[in-house]
Amino acid sequence: MRLAAQGLHHSTGALGGFLRRTKGRRGAQAALTATAHKLARIVYLALKPGMTYGRRGQEEYEARMKEKQVKALRRKAWQLGLEVVEKTSGSVPTATAASVQG
């Protein structure tokens, strides 16, 4: 399973994203072990009668991870007595826009 997990490093799927994210946080060996464990659970579910495995793409995985990070950030900000305000990627604050114009 560890060999299969090692081959996922350049994968564009959710398991490849999991491996790379875990590798940055825990280190290479622990990430391989965690990914191999996750892969073993998926294989078990695929072989167990009556269970289906739905493959997720990397985009869906990254969107889910971003949601988790935003939720954790909001919780931490709330604990510190702060408020998180989201802004769209294309919006520019009005003060900056006014200074650019003149």
Protein backbone atom coordinates (compact mmCIF):
# COMPACT_ATOMS: atom_id res chain seq x y z
CA MET A 1 0.00 0.00 0.00
CA ARG A 2 2.91 2.36 0.72
CA LEU A 3 4.22 1.84 -2.84
CA ALA A 4 0.81 2.67 -4.25
CA ALA A 5 0.61 5.72 -1.99
CA GLN A 6 4.04 6.87 -3.14
CA GLY A 7 2.84 6.75 -6.74
CA LEU A 8 0.05 9.20 -5.88
CA HIS A 9 2.46 12.10 -5.37
CA HIS A 10 1.86 13.52 -8.87
CA SER A 11 -1.78 12.42 -9.03
CA THR A 12 -4.40 15.07 -9.72
CA GLY A 13 -7.01 13.27 -7.61
CA ALA A 14 -8.07 13.81 -4.03
CA LEU A 15 -5.64 11.19 -2.71
CA GLY A 16 -2.71 12.97 -4.37
CA GLY A 17 -3.82 16.23 -2.79
CA PHE A 18 -4.16 14.52 0.58
CA LEU A 19 -0.63 13.11 0.29
CA ARG A 20 0.93 16.46 -0.62
CA ARG A 21 -0.97 18.34 2.09
CA THR A 22 -0.09 15.79 4.76
CA LYS A 23 3.54 15.68 3.61
CA GLY A 24 3.91 19.40 4.25
CA ARG A 25 2.41 19.07 7.71
CA ARG A 26 3.79 15.77 9.01
CA GLY A 27 6.76 14.83 6.84
CA ALA A 28 7.24 12.37 4.00
CA GLN A 29 7.19 9.07 5.92
CA ALA A 30 4.14 9.86 8.03
CA ALA A 31 2.30 11.18 4.97
CA LEU A 32 2.99 7.97 3.05
CA THR A 33 1.74 5.88 5.97
CA ALA A 34 -1.42 7.99 6.36
CA THR A 35 -2.13 7.85 2.62
CA ALA A 36 -1.51 4.10 2.53
CA HIS A 37 -3.97 3.71 5.41
CA LYS A 38 -6.56 5.81 3.59
CA LEU A 39 -5.98 3.80 0.41
CA ALA A 40 -6.41 0.53 2.34
CA ARG A 41 -9.75 1.74 3.70
CA ILE A 42 -10.89 2.66 0.18
CA VAL A 43 -9.87 -0.75 -1.17
CA TYR A 44 -11.72 -2.44 1.69
CA LEU A 45 -14.87 -0.45 0.95
CA ALA A 46 -14.57 -1.25 -2.75
CA LEU A 47 -14.26 -4.99 -2.07
CA LYS A 48 -16.90 -5.20 0.64
CA PRO A 49 -20.25 -6.26 -0.83
CA GLY A 50 -22.87 -3.56 -1.02
CA MET A 51 -20.49 -0.62 -0.66
CA THR A 52 -19.71 1.87 -3.40
CA TYR A 53 -16.80 4.25 -3.68
CA GLY A 54 -17.37 7.64 -5.27
CA ARG A 55 -14.17 9.17 -6.61
CA ARG A 56 -13.59 12.83 -5.87
CA GLY A 57 -11.49 15.08 -8.03
CA GLN A 58 -8.76 17.37 -6.80
CA GLU A 59 -10.89 20.50 -7.35
CA GLU A 60 -13.62 19.16 -5.08
CA TYR A 61 -11.03 18.09 -2.50
CA GLU A 62 -9.32 21.50 -2.52
CA ALA A 63 -12.67 23.29 -2.23
CA ARG A 64 -13.53 21.16 0.78
CA MET A 65 -10.15 21.83 2.39
CA LYS A 66 -10.59 25.58 1.81
CA GLU A 67 -13.98 25.42 3.53
CA LYS A 68 -12.40 23.68 6.51
CA GLN A 69 -9.61 26.28 6.69
CA VAL A 70 -12.07 29.19 6.53
CA LYS A 71 -14.20 27.59 9.26
CA ALA A 72 -11.13 27.11 11.47
CA LEU A 73 -10.01 30.70 10.81
CA ARG A 74 -13.42 32.07 11.75
CA ARG A 75 -13.45 30.01 14.94
CA LYS A 76 -9.97 31.25 15.88
CA ALA A 77 -10.91 34.86 15.10
CA TRP A 78 -14.05 34.53 17.22
CA GLN A 79 -11.95 33.22 20.12
CA LEU A 80 -9.70 36.29 19.79
CA GLY A 81 -12.67 38.65 19.61
CA LEU A 82 -12.17 39.46 15.93
CA GLU A 83 -14.42 39.22 12.91
CA VAL A 84 -13.56 37.74 9.51
CA VAL A 85 -14.91 39.64 6.52
CA GLU A 86 -14.78 37.89 3.15
CA LYS A 87 -14.18 39.86 0.01
CA THR A 88 -14.50 38.68 -3.55
CA SER A 89 -11.31 38.16 -5.52
CA GLY A 90 -12.17 40.89 -8.05
CA SER A 91 -13.23 43.59 -5.61
CA VAL A 92 -10.97 46.49 -4.77
CA PRO A 93 -11.49 48.62 -1.66
CA THR A 94 -12.95 52.03 -2.51
CA ALA A 95 -10.08 53.92 -0.89
CA THR A 96 -7.58 52.14 -3.14
CA ALA A 97 -9.71 52.68 -6.22
CA ALA A 98 -10.04 56.42 -5.42
CA SER A 99 -6.29 56.85 -4.94
CA VAL A 100 -5.61 55.14 -8.26
CA GLN A 101 -7.99 57.46 -10.10
CA GLY A 102 -6.43 60.58 -8.94
